[in-house]
């Protein structure tokens, strides 16, 4: 019985330490599905989605879902710590190392907890050489675990901040919610194509950083953006939509840069789908029906851009959409995030335009905001 108890304790300790290594330190994606962290997130996220399912889509629902990411991380770290304490308690129990053993397992658990958090009250003490050795090892493990948490959280917050900076910049560049139509329309002018090329270059790098951060910290995918109508998935959808349309739908366009951005963004959406084990499926209904495609081209023509017309352009665009939209739709269903349309059917103000304004004497704030949005200032 004592050998089995010690074996179970050692097994729990090794499992948690390996899990912490794979999750926090190991920089590559772990393909193994049977992991404590993966099981934890599948169960808790499934329960969270079930709870919020009756809540109508809106600010209240987003507020509930936004709590999950940070809270789940705290719960996971606490679970690891408790399992480590339990594992060392089983080792102490199995080897009968304490002055109070084997009277109560609660005493072993109490001693393990005070040792792990380096409290060391001294009312219970080890009485064997192995017990003293185990006490030192557990104290070192507790300090190492604390250092791991302290080092992990700043890196996580920095990755989140870098991701959100570009998402915030997207608001004035592509509308709210962001769309490929607004992205191209708002960048027309004397340096329109060069502006689009520079934009696609920036977002190629953002897509690479998004992929890297989700490989290193998968929990970041559950951290939602500052505004309810923004998300990393919506931004990725807009980048893929814009790149696909520029590749086949615009004359004199920056085709090479759009191909590079499309390749990187699609790489990101496919790999993130693999991380979370979602199966690609076509959106229903279609995100770009013929009527919206015609409206998109009409708006771009009004901006002085020259979109390609005809069945061949439509077919190529449909083929490109088939390379990424099924993955986007699967991720949107998994994370409870709405995908942005290609064309906004109703005019909505950007997030920055909805802020409280104090207009000057005799000036209507709505007129000022509209003229700023149209580029008159």
Protein backbone atom coordinates (compact mmCIF):
# COMPACT_ATOMS: atom_id res chain seq x y z
CA UNK A 1 0.00 0.00 0.00
CA UNK A 2 2.80 2.43 0.87
CA UNK A 3 4.63 1.64 -2.39
CA UNK A 4 1.48 2.28 -4.43
CA UNK A 5 0.86 5.56 -2.58
CA UNK A 6 4.40 6.73 -3.24
CA UNK A 7 4.15 5.71 -6.89
CA UNK A 8 0.92 7.68 -7.38
CA UNK A 9 2.47 10.73 -5.70
CA UNK A 10 5.59 10.60 -7.87
CA UNK A 11 3.44 10.13 -10.98
CA UNK A 12 1.33 13.21 -10.19
CA UNK A 13 4.42 15.34 -9.60
CA UNK A 14 6.08 14.28 -12.86
CA UNK A 15 2.88 14.82 -14.86
CA UNK A 16 2.38 18.36 -13.56
CA UNK A 17 6.02 19.35 -14.00
CA UNK A 18 5.98 18.07 -17.58
CA UNK A 19 2.69 19.84 -18.25
CA UNK A 20 4.11 23.11 -16.94
CA UNK A 21 7.20 22.66 -19.10
CA UNK A 22 5.17 22.02 -22.27
CA UNK A 23 2.72 24.84 -21.60
CA UNK A 24 4.99 27.61 -20.34
CA UNK A 25 8.58 26.90 -21.43
CA UNK A 26 8.46 24.68 -24.53
CA UNK A 27 8.16 27.02 -27.55
CA UNK A 28 6.72 24.55 -30.07
CA UNK A 29 3.19 23.28 -30.55
CA UNK A 30 2.48 20.03 -28.72
CA UNK A 31 0.44 17.71 -30.95
CA UNK A 32 -0.46 15.29 -28.18
CA UNK A 33 -4.18 15.59 -27.40
CA UNK A 34 -4.12 13.77 -24.06
CA UNK A 35 -2.79 16.61 -21.93
CA UNK A 36 -4.00 18.01 -18.65
CA UNK A 37 -4.15 21.58 -19.99
CA UNK A 38 -6.02 20.52 -23.15
CA UNK A 39 -8.55 18.49 -21.18
CA UNK A 40 -8.99 21.35 -18.72
CA UNK A 41 -9.72 23.90 -21.45
CA UNK A 42 -12.01 21.59 -23.43
CA UNK A 43 -14.12 20.91 -20.35
CA UNK A 44 -14.20 24.41 -18.88
CA UNK A 45 -14.68 26.24 -22.20
CA UNK A 46 -17.45 23.85 -23.16
CA UNK A 47 -19.15 24.52 -19.82
CA UNK A 48 -18.69 28.29 -20.24
CA UNK A 49 -20.26 28.27 -23.72
CA UNK A 50 -23.18 26.22 -22.43
CA UNK A 51 -23.80 28.71 -19.61
CA UNK A 52 -23.72 31.81 -21.83
CA UNK A 53 -25.63 30.23 -24.73
CA UNK A 54 -29.04 31.52 -23.51
CA UNK A 55 -27.65 35.05 -23.18
CA UNK A 56 -28.39 37.12 -26.33
CA UNK A 57 -25.39 38.25 -28.36
CA UNK A 58 -24.27 41.64 -27.14
CA UNK A 59 -22.29 43.46 -24.50
CA UNK A 60 -23.51 41.33 -21.58
CA UNK A 61 -22.53 38.10 -23.29
CA UNK A 62 -19.14 39.48 -24.28
CA UNK A 63 -18.53 40.59 -20.69
CA UNK A 64 -19.13 37.05 -19.45
CA UNK A 65 -16.90 35.50 -22.09
CA UNK A 66 -14.12 38.04 -21.56
CA UNK A 67 -13.68 36.84 -17.98
CA UNK A 68 -12.98 33.26 -19.03
CA UNK A 69 -9.47 33.70 -20.47
CA UNK A 70 -7.72 35.34 -17.49
CA UNK A 71 -9.77 33.38 -14.94
CA UNK A 72 -9.06 30.02 -16.58
CA UNK A 73 -5.33 30.71 -16.39
CA UNK A 74 -5.53 31.42 -12.65
CA UNK A 75 -7.58 28.26 -12.08
CA UNK A 76 -5.15 26.14 -14.14
CA UNK A 77 -2.11 27.41 -12.23
CA UNK A 78 -3.90 26.82 -8.93
CA UNK A 79 -4.82 23.30 -10.04
CA UNK A 80 -1.20 22.55 -10.88
CA UNK A 81 -0.08 23.81 -7.47
CA UNK A 82 -2.68 21.72 -5.64
CA UNK A 83 -1.75 18.55 -7.55
CA UNK A 84 1.93 19.10 -6.74
CA UNK A 85 1.07 19.52 -3.05
CA UNK A 86 -1.06 16.37 -3.21
CA UNK A 87 1.73 14.44 -4.94
CA UNK A 88 4.33 15.35 -2.30
CA UNK A 89 1.82 14.57 0.46
CA UNK A 90 1.36 11.08 -1.01
CA UNK A 91 5.12 10.61 -1.10
CA UNK A 92 5.43 11.63 2.55
CA UNK A 93 2.52 9.36 3.42
CA UNK A 94 3.89 6.38 1.53
CA UNK A 95 7.40 6.69 2.98
CA UNK A 96 6.18 7.59 6.50
CA UNK A 97 8.61 10.49 6.70
CA UNK A 98 6.84 12.76 9.20
CA UNK A 99 6.70 12.82 12.96
CA UNK A 100 2.89 12.55 12.77
CA UNK A 101 2.76 9.75 10.18
CA UNK A 102 0.75 7.69 9.55
CA UNK A 103 -1.96 9.06 11.82
CA UNK A 104 -3.71 11.34 9.34
CA UNK A 105 -3.36 12.06 5.63
CA UNK A 106 -4.59 15.59 6.38
CA UNK A 107 -1.38 16.11 8.36
CA UNK A 108 0.70 15.02 5.35
CA UNK A 109 -1.28 17.36 3.13
CA UNK A 110 -0.87 20.23 5.60
CA UNK A 111 2.89 19.69 5.85
CA UNK A 112 3.22 19.45 2.06
CA UNK A 113 1.33 22.72 1.59
CA UNK A 114 3.42 24.66 4.13
CA UNK A 115 6.60 23.29 2.56
CA UNK A 116 5.53 24.01 -1.02
CA UNK A 117 4.77 27.64 -0.19
CA UNK A 118 7.93 27.79 1.98
CA UNK A 119 6.01 28.74 5.14
CA UNK A 120 7.79 26.18 7.36
CA UNK A 121 5.83 26.50 10.62
CA UNK A 122 7.75 23.66 12.25
CA UNK A 123 4.87 22.04 14.14
CA UNK A 124 5.28 18.97 11.88
CA UNK A 125 8.73 17.90 10.78
CA UNK A 126 10.40 15.08 8.82
CA UNK A 127 12.06 12.37 10.92
CA UNK A 128 13.86 10.37 8.20
CA UNK A 129 16.72 11.30 5.83
CA UNK A 130 14.47 10.73 2.82
CA UNK A 131 11.84 12.97 4.39
CA UNK A 132 14.37 15.78 4.81
CA UNK A 133 15.51 15.34 1.21
CA UNK A 134 11.89 15.38 0.01
CA UNK A 135 11.24 18.56 2.00
CA UNK A 136 14.12 20.34 0.30
CA UNK A 137 12.99 19.16 -3.12
CA UNK A 138 9.41 20.32 -2.51
CA UNK A 139 10.54 23.72 -1.22
CA UNK A 140 12.67 24.17 -4.34
CA UNK A 141 9.79 23.07 -6.54
CA UNK A 142 7.50 25.60 -4.89
CA UNK A 143 9.98 28.43 -5.44
CA UNK A 144 10.54 27.34 -9.03
CA UNK A 145 6.79 27.19 -9.65
CA UNK A 146 6.37 30.71 -8.27
CA UNK A 147 9.21 31.97 -10.47
CA UNK A 148 7.60 30.26 -13.46
CA UNK A 149 4.31 32.04 -12.84
CA UNK A 150 6.04 35.41 -12.31
CA UNK A 151 7.96 35.01 -15.57
CA UNK A 152 4.99 33.66 -17.53
CA UNK A 153 2.43 36.38 -16.88
CA UNK A 154 4.47 39.38 -18.17
CA UNK A 155 5.24 37.54 -21.41
CA UNK A 156 1.59 36.70 -21.80
CA UNK A 157 0.50 40.30 -21.23
CA UNK A 158 3.09 41.63 -23.66
CA UNK A 159 1.92 39.25 -26.40
CA UNK A 160 -1.66 40.31 -25.76
CA UNK A 161 -0.75 44.00 -25.94
CA UNK A 162 1.16 43.59 -29.21
CA UNK A 163 -1.79 41.76 -30.72
CA UNK A 164 -4.31 44.38 -29.63
CA UNK A 165 -2.36 47.44 -30.87
CA UNK A 166 -2.92 46.60 -34.52
CA UNK A 167 -6.51 45.55 -33.87
CA UNK A 168 -7.16 48.99 -32.39
CA UNK A 169 -5.50 50.65 -35.39
CA UNK A 170 -7.80 48.67 -37.68
CA UNK A 171 -10.84 50.56 -36.40
CA UNK A 172 -10.23 53.80 -38.30
CA UNK A 173 -8.80 51.97 -41.30
CA UNK A 174 -11.49 49.37 -41.93
CA UNK A 175 -14.58 50.49 -40.04
CA UNK A 176 -16.54 48.93 -37.18
CA UNK A 177 -16.86 46.04 -37.57
CA UNK A 178 -13.88 45.97 -39.95
CA UNK A 179 -14.52 44.85 -43.53
CA UNK A 180 -12.38 44.36 -46.61
CA UNK A 181 -14.58 46.81 -48.53
CA UNK A 182 -13.95 49.64 -46.07
CA UNK A 183 -10.27 48.74 -45.89
CA UNK A 184 -9.82 49.22 -49.63
CA UNK A 185 -12.22 52.16 -49.94
CA UNK A 186 -10.58 54.21 -47.19
CA UNK A 187 -7.10 53.78 -48.70
CA UNK A 188 -7.89 55.22 -52.11
CA UNK A 189 -6.25 58.42 -53.31
CA UNK A 190 -3.01 59.58 -54.85
CA UNK A 191 -0.95 56.88 -53.14
CA UNK A 192 -3.73 54.30 -52.93
CA UNK A 193 -1.87 51.20 -54.13
CA UNK A 194 1.28 52.06 -52.23
CA UNK A 195 -0.82 52.57 -49.13
CA UNK A 196 -2.48 49.18 -49.63
CA UNK A 197 0.91 47.55 -50.17
CA UNK A 198 2.28 49.04 -46.95
CA UNK A 199 -0.82 47.96 -45.06
CA UNK A 200 -0.54 44.38 -46.31
CA UNK A 201 3.15 44.30 -45.39
CA UNK A 202 2.38 45.37 -41.81
CA UNK A 203 -0.35 42.79 -41.46
CA UNK A 204 1.81 40.02 -42.87
CA UNK A 205 4.08 40.55 -39.87
CA UNK A 206 1.08 40.79 -37.52
CA UNK A 207 -0.20 37.44 -38.80
CA UNK A 208 3.21 35.87 -38.16
CA UNK A 209 3.27 37.29 -34.62
CA UNK A 210 -0.29 36.06 -34.04
CA UNK A 211 0.70 32.54 -35.08
CA UNK A 212 3.81 32.57 -32.91
CA UNK A 213 2.00 33.88 -29.84
CA UNK A 214 -0.80 31.31 -30.17
CA UNK A 215 1.74 28.51 -30.54
CA UNK A 216 3.61 29.68 -27.43
CA UNK A 217 0.55 30.75 -25.42
CA UNK A 218 -2.64 29.04 -26.71
CA UNK A 219 -4.60 30.56 -23.81
CA UNK A 220 -4.22 33.96 -25.52
CA UNK A 221 -6.83 32.92 -28.07
CA UNK A 222 -9.43 33.04 -25.27
CA UNK A 223 -8.47 36.60 -24.25
CA UNK A 224 -10.95 38.91 -25.90
CA UNK A 225 -10.30 42.42 -27.24
CA UNK A 226 -11.05 45.68 -25.48
CA UNK A 227 -14.16 46.41 -27.58
CA UNK A 228 -17.07 44.04 -28.06
CA UNK A 229 -17.06 44.47 -31.84
CA UNK A 230 -13.34 43.69 -32.23
CA UNK A 231 -11.39 40.44 -32.05
CA UNK A 232 -8.19 38.87 -33.34
CA UNK A 233 -10.30 36.51 -35.45
CA UNK A 234 -12.22 39.37 -37.09
CA UNK A 235 -8.93 41.13 -37.86
CA UNK A 236 -7.52 37.95 -39.39
CA UNK A 237 -10.66 37.53 -41.49
CA UNK A 238 -10.36 41.09 -42.83
CA UNK A 239 -6.71 40.57 -43.74
CA UNK A 240 -7.50 37.36 -45.61
CA UNK A 241 -10.50 38.94 -47.36
CA UNK A 242 -8.50 41.99 -48.41
CA UNK A 243 -5.52 39.95 -49.62
CA UNK A 244 -7.73 37.57 -51.60
CA UNK A 245 -9.63 40.38 -53.31
CA UNK A 246 -6.47 42.33 -54.16
CA UNK A 247 -4.90 39.21 -55.65
CA UNK A 248 -7.71 38.59 -58.15
CA UNK A 249 -10.05 41.56 -58.02
CA UNK A 250 -8.06 44.78 -58.56
CA UNK A 251 -6.22 46.04 -61.62
CA UNK A 252 -2.70 47.44 -61.16
CA UNK A 253 -2.69 46.04 -57.63
CA UNK A 254 0.22 44.99 -55.42
CA UNK A 255 -0.27 41.32 -56.27
CA UNK A 256 3.02 40.01 -54.87
CA UNK A 257 2.59 41.56 -51.43
CA UNK A 258 -1.01 40.41 -51.27
CA UNK A 259 0.15 36.85 -52.04
CA UNK A 260 2.72 36.97 -49.23
CA UNK A 261 0.20 38.35 -46.74
CA UNK A 262 -2.42 35.82 -47.80
CA UNK A 263 0.03 32.94 -47.38
CA UNK A 264 1.05 34.04 -43.89
CA UNK A 265 -2.48 34.78 -42.71
CA UNK A 266 -3.79 31.47 -44.04
CA UNK A 267 -0.90 29.66 -42.37
CA UNK A 268 -1.94 31.29 -39.10
CA UNK A 269 -5.64 30.42 -39.37
CA UNK A 270 -4.95 26.79 -40.34
CA UNK A 271 -2.39 26.19 -37.59
CA UNK A 272 -4.57 27.81 -34.94
CA UNK A 273 -7.41 25.53 -36.07
CA UNK A 274 -5.11 22.55 -35.57
CA UNK A 275 -4.12 23.78 -32.09
CA UNK A 276 -7.74 23.79 -30.94
CA UNK A 277 -8.81 20.74 -32.95
CA UNK A 278 -11.69 22.39 -34.83
CA UNK A 279 -12.96 20.94 -38.09
CA UNK A 280 -13.24 23.35 -41.07
CA UNK A 281 -16.72 23.93 -42.48
CA UNK A 282 -18.22 26.40 -44.93
CA UNK A 283 -20.01 29.42 -43.45
CA UNK A 284 -23.77 29.40 -43.62
CA UNK A 285 -25.06 31.67 -45.04
CA UNK A 286 -22.44 32.70 -47.61
CA UNK A 287 -20.38 35.69 -46.45
CA UNK A 288 -20.17 37.12 -49.98
CA UNK A 289 -23.30 36.43 -52.04
CA UNK A 290 -23.44 37.86 -55.59
CA UNK A 291 -25.40 40.93 -54.50
CA UNK A 292 -22.77 41.90 -51.92
CA UNK A 293 -19.95 41.25 -54.39
CA UNK A 294 -21.63 43.67 -56.81
CA UNK A 295 -22.03 46.24 -54.01
CA UNK A 296 -18.35 45.84 -53.12
CA UNK A 297 -17.24 46.54 -56.68
CA UNK A 298 -19.60 49.49 -56.96
CA UNK A 299 -18.13 51.09 -53.83
CA UNK A 300 -14.58 50.55 -55.05
CA UNK A 301 -15.41 52.02 -58.45
CA UNK A 302 -16.71 55.11 -56.68
CA UNK A 303 -13.34 55.39 -54.95
CA UNK A 304 -11.46 55.33 -58.26
CA UNK A 305 -10.25 51.74 -57.96
CA UNK A 306 -10.64 49.31 -60.85
CA UNK A 307 -11.94 45.91 -59.75
CA UNK A 308 -11.89 42.99 -62.17
CA UNK A 309 -15.28 41.88 -63.42
CA UNK A 310 -16.57 38.67 -64.93
CA UNK A 311 -16.99 35.00 -64.15
CA UNK A 312 -13.27 34.26 -64.17
CA UNK A 313 -12.58 36.78 -61.41
CA UNK A 314 -15.56 35.45 -59.43
CA UNK A 315 -14.30 31.87 -59.77
CA UNK A 316 -10.77 32.71 -58.64
CA UNK A 317 -12.06 34.65 -55.66
CA UNK A 318 -14.31 31.74 -54.70
CA UNK A 319 -11.33 29.36 -54.87
CA UNK A 320 -9.24 31.58 -52.62
CA UNK A 321 -12.08 31.95 -50.13
CA UNK A 322 -12.35 28.18 -49.99
CA UNK A 323 -8.78 28.02 -48.70
CA UNK A 324 -9.50 29.94 -45.49
CA UNK A 325 -13.20 30.65 -44.84
CA UNK A 326 -14.01 27.11 -43.59
CA UNK A 327 -11.26 27.46 -40.96
CA UNK A 328 -12.45 30.94 -39.98
CA UNK A 329 -16.00 29.73 -39.56
CA UNK A 330 -14.92 26.76 -37.42
CA UNK A 331 -12.87 29.04 -35.16
CA UNK A 332 -15.69 31.57 -34.90
CA UNK A 333 -18.07 28.82 -33.73
CA UNK A 334 -15.50 27.54 -31.23
CA UNK A 335 -14.69 30.93 -29.72
CA UNK A 336 -18.23 32.37 -29.99
CA UNK A 337 -17.02 35.24 -32.20
CA UNK A 338 -18.99 36.63 -35.13
CA UNK A 339 -17.16 36.88 -38.42
CA UNK A 340 -17.28 40.31 -40.09
CA UNK A 341 -19.16 40.66 -43.38
CA UNK A 342 -17.45 41.62 -46.60
CA UNK A 343 -19.71 44.68 -46.90
CA UNK A 344 -21.42 46.56 -44.07
CA UNK A 345 -25.08 46.74 -45.04
CA UNK A 346 -25.75 49.65 -42.68
CA UNK A 347 -23.53 52.61 -41.89
CA UNK A 348 -22.21 52.36 -38.33
CA UNK A 349 -19.84 54.81 -36.63
CA UNK A 350 -16.33 53.71 -35.76
CA UNK A 351 -15.47 53.08 -32.13
CA UNK A 352 -13.56 56.34 -31.86
CA UNK A 353 -16.56 58.26 -33.21
CA UNK A 354 -18.79 56.95 -30.43
CA UNK A 355 -16.71 58.59 -27.72
CA UNK A 356 -18.18 61.49 -25.77
CA UNK A 357 -17.33 64.78 -27.48
CA UNK A 358 -17.55 68.39 -26.31
CA UNK A 359 -18.14 70.46 -29.47
CA UNK A 360 -17.31 74.12 -29.69
CA UNK A 361 -19.95 76.87 -29.61
CA UNK A 362 -22.42 76.52 -32.45
CA UNK A 363 -20.90 73.28 -33.77
CA UNK A 364 -22.87 70.07 -34.10
CA UNK A 365 -20.75 67.15 -32.93
CA UNK A 366 -22.27 64.65 -35.37
CA UNK A 367 -21.37 66.85 -38.36
CA UNK A 368 -17.81 67.26 -37.10
CA UNK A 369 -17.38 63.55 -36.59
CA UNK A 370 -18.78 62.74 -40.01
CA UNK A 371 -16.46 65.22 -41.73
CA UNK A 372 -13.46 63.84 -39.82
CA UNK A 373 -14.41 60.32 -40.86
CA UNK A 374 -14.65 61.42 -44.50
CA UNK A 375 -11.18 62.94 -44.35
CA UNK A 376 -12.10 66.63 -44.50
CA UNK A 377 -9.86 67.55 -41.53
